[in-house]
Amino acid sequence: MQMNISIRHGHVSDPTQATIQEKAGKLTRLYDRISAIEVTIDLEHRDLPAVDLKVSAKKREFVAVAQAENLLAAVDVVVDKMEQQLRKHKEKVQDRHRGAGHRE
């Protein structure tokens, strides 16, 4: 799996980048078909940083965006949003295979 973190309008320290990588990397435990994760941090407004999270999975792209008071809070929010999207998609795929048509 490929992970890319890009920062606009500023700089983020290496320990903070490692923390972001760790939090985004946990998404692979939830959905194993993830091929790439791209995190874009926009620090144009220092008091309200924006984080975009784009996850590429098999034949699908998932996107989540969040803003918060500080960077790590925004990362937490965006990762939670992405977890919800991935769970919903995974349940949808599993329900498709568990339909009543297969049992009858």
N, C-alpha and C. Protein backbone atom coordinates (compact mmCIF):
# COMPACT_ATOMS: atom_id res chain seq x y z
N MET A 1 0.83 -1.17 0.00
CA MET A 1 0.00 0.00 0.00
C MET A 1 0.88 1.25 0.00
N GLN A 2 0.48 2.20 -0.76
CA GLN A 2 1.23 3.44 -0.91
C GLN A 2 0.54 4.54 -0.09
N MET A 3 1.32 5.31 0.67
CA MET A 3 0.77 6.42 1.44
C MET A 3 1.56 7.69 1.12
N ASN A 4 0.82 8.78 0.90
CA ASN A 4 1.44 10.04 0.54
C ASN A 4 0.83 11.14 1.41
N ILE A 5 1.68 11.95 2.02
CA ILE A 5 1.23 13.10 2.80
C ILE A 5 1.79 14.35 2.15
N SER A 6 0.90 15.26 1.78
CA SER A 6 1.35 16.51 1.20
C SER A 6 0.80 17.67 2.02
N ILE A 7 1.61 18.72 2.13
CA ILE A 7 1.27 19.87 2.97
C ILE A 7 1.29 21.12 2.12
N ARG A 8 0.23 21.90 2.22
CA ARG A 8 0.15 23.18 1.51
C ARG A 8 0.25 24.32 2.50
N HIS A 9 0.94 25.36 2.13
CA HIS A 9 1.01 26.61 2.90
C HIS A 9 1.62 26.44 4.28
N GLY A 10 2.62 25.62 4.41
CA GLY A 10 3.27 25.50 5.71
C GLY A 10 4.11 24.26 5.82
N HIS A 11 4.45 23.93 7.06
CA HIS A 11 5.30 22.78 7.34
C HIS A 11 4.76 22.05 8.56
N VAL A 12 4.88 20.73 8.54
CA VAL A 12 4.47 19.88 9.66
C VAL A 12 5.69 19.09 10.08
N SER A 13 5.93 19.00 11.38
CA SER A 13 7.11 18.30 11.89
C SER A 13 7.06 16.80 11.58
N ASP A 14 8.22 16.19 11.60
CA ASP A 14 8.31 14.76 11.30
C ASP A 14 7.53 13.88 12.29
N PRO A 15 7.58 14.15 13.61
CA PRO A 15 6.78 13.34 14.53
C PRO A 15 5.28 13.46 14.26
N THR A 16 4.83 14.65 13.88
CA THR A 16 3.41 14.84 13.57
C THR A 16 3.06 14.08 12.31
N GLN A 17 3.94 14.10 11.32
CA GLN A 17 3.69 13.35 10.09
C GLN A 17 3.64 11.84 10.38
N ALA A 18 4.49 11.38 11.28
CA ALA A 18 4.48 9.96 11.65
C ALA A 18 3.17 9.59 12.33
N THR A 19 2.66 10.47 13.18
CA THR A 19 1.38 10.24 13.86
C THR A 19 0.25 10.17 12.84
N ILE A 20 0.26 11.09 11.89
CA ILE A 20 -0.77 11.10 10.84
C ILE A 20 -0.69 9.82 10.02
N GLN A 21 0.52 9.40 9.68
CA GLN A 21 0.71 8.17 8.92
C GLN A 21 0.19 6.96 9.69
N GLU A 22 0.44 6.94 10.99
CA GLU A 22 -0.02 5.83 11.82
C GLU A 22 -1.55 5.78 11.86
N LYS A 23 -2.19 6.93 12.06
CA LYS A 23 -3.65 6.98 12.14
C LYS A 23 -4.29 6.60 10.82
N ALA A 24 -3.75 7.08 9.71
CA ALA A 24 -4.31 6.76 8.40
C ALA A 24 -4.02 5.30 8.04
N GLY A 25 -2.91 4.79 8.49
CA GLY A 25 -2.55 3.41 8.21
C GLY A 25 -3.47 2.39 8.85
N LYS A 26 -4.14 2.78 9.92
CA LYS A 26 -5.07 1.87 10.59
C LYS A 26 -6.31 1.56 9.73
N LEU A 27 -6.53 2.34 8.70
CA LEU A 27 -7.68 2.09 7.83
C LEU A 27 -7.54 0.76 7.10
N THR A 28 -6.31 0.30 6.90
CA THR A 28 -6.11 -0.97 6.19
C THR A 28 -6.60 -2.15 7.02
N ARG A 29 -6.68 -2.00 8.32
CA ARG A 29 -7.22 -3.07 9.15
C ARG A 29 -8.72 -3.23 8.92
N LEU A 30 -9.35 -2.12 8.59
CA LEU A 30 -10.79 -2.11 8.40
C LEU A 30 -11.19 -2.66 7.03
N TYR A 31 -10.42 -2.30 6.02
CA TYR A 31 -10.74 -2.71 4.65
C TYR A 31 -9.44 -3.09 3.96
N ASP A 32 -9.28 -4.35 3.63
CA ASP A 32 -7.99 -4.85 3.17
C ASP A 32 -7.72 -4.61 1.68
N ARG A 33 -8.65 -4.06 0.94
CA ARG A 33 -8.44 -3.83 -0.49
C ARG A 33 -7.93 -2.42 -0.81
N ILE A 34 -7.45 -1.72 0.19
CA ILE A 34 -6.92 -0.37 -0.01
C ILE A 34 -5.57 -0.45 -0.71
N SER A 35 -5.44 0.31 -1.79
CA SER A 35 -4.18 0.30 -2.54
C SER A 35 -3.35 1.56 -2.29
N ALA A 36 -4.01 2.70 -2.00
CA ALA A 36 -3.27 3.94 -1.77
C ALA A 36 -4.06 4.86 -0.85
N ILE A 37 -3.33 5.61 -0.04
CA ILE A 37 -3.91 6.62 0.85
C ILE A 37 -3.17 7.92 0.60
N GLU A 38 -3.93 8.99 0.38
CA GLU A 38 -3.34 10.30 0.14
C GLU A 38 -3.92 11.29 1.15
N VAL A 39 -3.07 11.90 1.94
CA VAL A 39 -3.48 12.89 2.93
C VAL A 39 -2.96 14.25 2.48
N THR A 40 -3.87 15.23 2.37
CA THR A 40 -3.48 16.58 2.00
C THR A 40 -3.85 17.51 3.15
N ILE A 41 -2.85 18.21 3.66
CA ILE A 41 -3.04 19.12 4.79
C ILE A 41 -2.91 20.54 4.28
N ASP A 42 -3.93 21.35 4.51
CA ASP A 42 -3.91 22.74 4.07
C ASP A 42 -3.80 23.64 5.30
N LEU A 43 -2.67 24.32 5.44
CA LEU A 43 -2.41 25.18 6.59
C LEU A 43 -2.54 26.66 6.23
N GLU A 44 -3.33 26.96 5.21
CA GLU A 44 -3.50 28.36 4.82
C GLU A 44 -4.09 29.17 5.97
N HIS A 45 -5.08 28.61 6.65
CA HIS A 45 -5.66 29.25 7.84
C HIS A 45 -5.13 28.49 9.05
N ARG A 46 -4.12 29.02 9.69
CA ARG A 46 -3.45 28.32 10.80
C ARG A 46 -4.40 27.99 11.94
N ASP A 47 -5.41 28.84 12.18
CA ASP A 47 -6.33 28.60 13.29
C ASP A 47 -7.39 27.56 12.94
N LEU A 48 -7.51 27.19 11.66
CA LEU A 48 -8.50 26.20 11.23
C LEU A 48 -7.93 25.35 10.09
N PRO A 49 -6.99 24.43 10.40
CA PRO A 49 -6.38 23.62 9.34
C PRO A 49 -7.39 22.65 8.72
N ALA A 50 -7.24 22.42 7.43
CA ALA A 50 -8.11 21.50 6.70
C ALA A 50 -7.31 20.26 6.31
N VAL A 51 -7.97 19.11 6.40
CA VAL A 51 -7.34 17.85 6.04
C VAL A 51 -8.25 17.12 5.05
N ASP A 52 -7.68 16.74 3.91
CA ASP A 52 -8.39 15.93 2.91
C ASP A 52 -7.76 14.55 2.93
N LEU A 53 -8.61 13.53 2.96
CA LEU A 53 -8.14 12.15 2.96
C LEU A 53 -8.77 11.43 1.79
N LYS A 54 -7.94 10.89 0.92
CA LYS A 54 -8.41 10.19 -0.27
C LYS A 54 -7.87 8.77 -0.21
N VAL A 55 -8.77 7.80 -0.27
CA VAL A 55 -8.40 6.40 -0.20
C VAL A 55 -8.80 5.72 -1.50
N SER A 56 -7.84 5.07 -2.13
CA SER A 56 -8.11 4.32 -3.35
C SER A 56 -8.17 2.85 -3.00
N ALA A 57 -9.31 2.25 -3.32
CA ALA A 57 -9.50 0.83 -3.09
C ALA A 57 -9.82 0.19 -4.44
N LYS A 58 -10.04 -1.09 -4.43
CA LYS A 58 -10.29 -1.81 -5.68
C LYS A 58 -11.52 -1.21 -6.38
N LYS A 59 -11.28 -0.56 -7.52
CA LYS A 59 -12.33 0.04 -8.36
C LYS A 59 -13.12 1.15 -7.68
N ARG A 60 -12.66 1.69 -6.57
CA ARG A 60 -13.40 2.71 -5.84
C ARG A 60 -12.45 3.76 -5.29
N GLU A 61 -12.97 4.97 -5.14
CA GLU A 61 -12.22 6.06 -4.49
C GLU A 61 -13.13 6.62 -3.39
N PHE A 62 -12.57 6.81 -2.23
CA PHE A 62 -13.30 7.38 -1.10
C PHE A 62 -12.62 8.69 -0.70
N VAL A 63 -13.41 9.72 -0.38
CA VAL A 63 -12.86 11.02 -0.03
C VAL A 63 -13.56 11.52 1.23
N ALA A 64 -12.77 12.08 2.14
CA ALA A 64 -13.30 12.71 3.35
C ALA A 64 -12.52 14.00 3.59
N VAL A 65 -13.24 15.02 4.06
CA VAL A 65 -12.64 16.34 4.31
C VAL A 65 -13.08 16.80 5.70
N ALA A 66 -12.16 17.44 6.43
CA ALA A 66 -12.50 17.96 7.75
C ALA A 66 -11.64 19.17 8.09
N GLN A 67 -12.20 20.03 8.93
CA GLN A 67 -11.48 21.15 9.50
C GLN A 67 -11.71 21.12 11.00
N ALA A 68 -10.71 21.53 11.75
CA ALA A 68 -10.84 21.56 13.21
C ALA A 68 -9.91 22.63 13.77
N GLU A 69 -9.98 22.79 15.07
CA GLU A 69 -9.21 23.82 15.77
C GLU A 69 -7.70 23.59 15.66
N ASN A 70 -7.29 22.30 15.69
CA ASN A 70 -5.87 22.01 15.50
C ASN A 70 -5.71 20.84 14.53
N LEU A 71 -4.52 20.61 14.10
CA LEU A 71 -4.25 19.64 13.04
C LEU A 71 -4.62 18.21 13.41
N LEU A 72 -4.22 17.76 14.58
CA LEU A 72 -4.48 16.38 14.96
C LEU A 72 -5.97 16.11 15.19
N ALA A 73 -6.70 17.12 15.66
CA ALA A 73 -8.15 16.97 15.80
C ALA A 73 -8.79 16.82 14.43
N ALA A 74 -8.32 17.57 13.45
CA ALA A 74 -8.85 17.46 12.09
C ALA A 74 -8.53 16.09 11.50
N VAL A 75 -7.34 15.57 11.79
CA VAL A 75 -6.98 14.24 11.31
C VAL A 75 -7.88 13.19 11.93
N ASP A 76 -8.15 13.30 13.23
CA ASP A 76 -9.05 12.35 13.89
C ASP A 76 -10.43 12.36 13.26
N VAL A 77 -10.96 13.56 13.00
CA VAL A 77 -12.29 13.68 12.41
C VAL A 77 -12.32 13.07 11.01
N VAL A 78 -11.32 13.36 10.21
CA VAL A 78 -11.31 12.87 8.83
C VAL A 78 -11.12 11.35 8.79
N VAL A 79 -10.34 10.80 9.70
CA VAL A 79 -10.16 9.35 9.75
C VAL A 79 -11.46 8.68 10.20
N ASP A 80 -12.17 9.27 11.15
CA ASP A 80 -13.46 8.73 11.57
C ASP A 80 -14.47 8.73 10.42
N LYS A 81 -14.49 9.82 9.66
CA LYS A 81 -15.39 9.88 8.50
C LYS A 81 -15.05 8.79 7.49
N MET A 82 -13.77 8.60 7.26
CA MET A 82 -13.35 7.58 6.30
C MET A 82 -13.69 6.18 6.80
N GLU A 83 -13.52 5.94 8.10
CA GLU A 83 -13.90 4.64 8.66
C GLU A 83 -15.37 4.36 8.42
N GLN A 84 -16.22 5.36 8.61
CA GLN A 84 -17.65 5.19 8.38
C GLN A 84 -17.93 4.83 6.92
N GLN A 85 -17.27 5.53 5.99
CA GLN A 85 -17.48 5.25 4.57
C GLN A 85 -17.04 3.83 4.22
N LEU A 86 -15.89 3.43 4.73
CA LEU A 86 -15.36 2.10 4.42
C LEU A 86 -16.23 1.01 5.03
N ARG A 87 -16.70 1.21 6.27
CA ARG A 87 -17.59 0.23 6.90
C ARG A 87 -18.88 0.08 6.10
N LYS A 88 -19.46 1.21 5.70
CA LYS A 88 -20.70 1.18 4.94
C LYS A 88 -20.51 0.44 3.62
N HIS A 89 -19.42 0.73 2.94
CA HIS A 89 -19.14 0.06 1.67
C HIS A 89 -18.92 -1.43 1.87
N LYS A 90 -18.19 -1.80 2.90
CA LYS A 90 -17.90 -3.20 3.17
C LYS A 90 -19.18 -3.97 3.49
N GLU A 91 -20.06 -3.36 4.29
CA GLU A 91 -21.34 -4.00 4.61
C GLU A 91 -22.20 -4.16 3.36
N LYS A 92 -22.17 -3.15 2.52
CA LYS A 92 -22.94 -3.20 1.28
C LYS A 92 -22.47 -4.35 0.39
N VAL A 93 -21.17 -4.51 0.27
CA VAL A 93 -20.60 -5.59 -0.54
C VAL A 93 -20.94 -6.95 0.08
N GLN A 94 -20.84 -7.05 1.39
CA GLN A 94 -21.12 -8.32 2.05
C GLN A 94 -22.60 -8.67 1.95
N ASP A 95 -23.49 -7.69 2.07
CA ASP A 95 -24.92 -7.94 1.96
C ASP A 95 -25.29 -8.40 0.56
N ARG A 96 -24.58 -7.90 -0.43
CA ARG A 96 -24.83 -8.30 -1.81
C ARG A 96 -24.59 -9.79 -1.98
N HIS A 97 -23.61 -10.30 -1.25
CA HIS A 97 -23.26 -11.72 -1.36
C HIS A 97 -24.09 -12.60 -0.43
N ARG A 98 -24.81 -12.00 0.49
CA ARG A 98 -25.62 -12.76 1.45
C ARG A 98 -27.11 -12.71 1.11
N GLY A 99 -27.43 -12.28 -0.07
CA GLY A 99 -28.83 -12.13 -0.44
C GLY A 99 -29.61 -13.43 -0.37
N ALA A 100 -30.94 -13.34 -0.30
CA ALA A 100 -31.81 -14.51 -0.20
C ALA A 100 -31.73 -15.39 -1.44
N GLY A 101 -31.38 -14.82 -2.58
CA GLY A 101 -31.30 -15.57 -3.82
C GLY A 101 -30.27 -16.70 -3.78
N HIS A 102 -29.24 -16.54 -2.98
CA HIS A 102 -28.20 -17.55 -2.89
C HIS A 102 -28.64 -18.76 -2.06
N ARG A 103 -29.58 -18.54 -1.14
CA ARG A 103 -29.98 -19.62 -0.23
C ARG A 103 -31.11 -20.47 -0.81
N GLU A 104 -31.91 -19.89 -1.66
CA GLU A 104 -33.09 -20.63 -2.13
C GLU A 104 -32.82 -21.52 -3.30
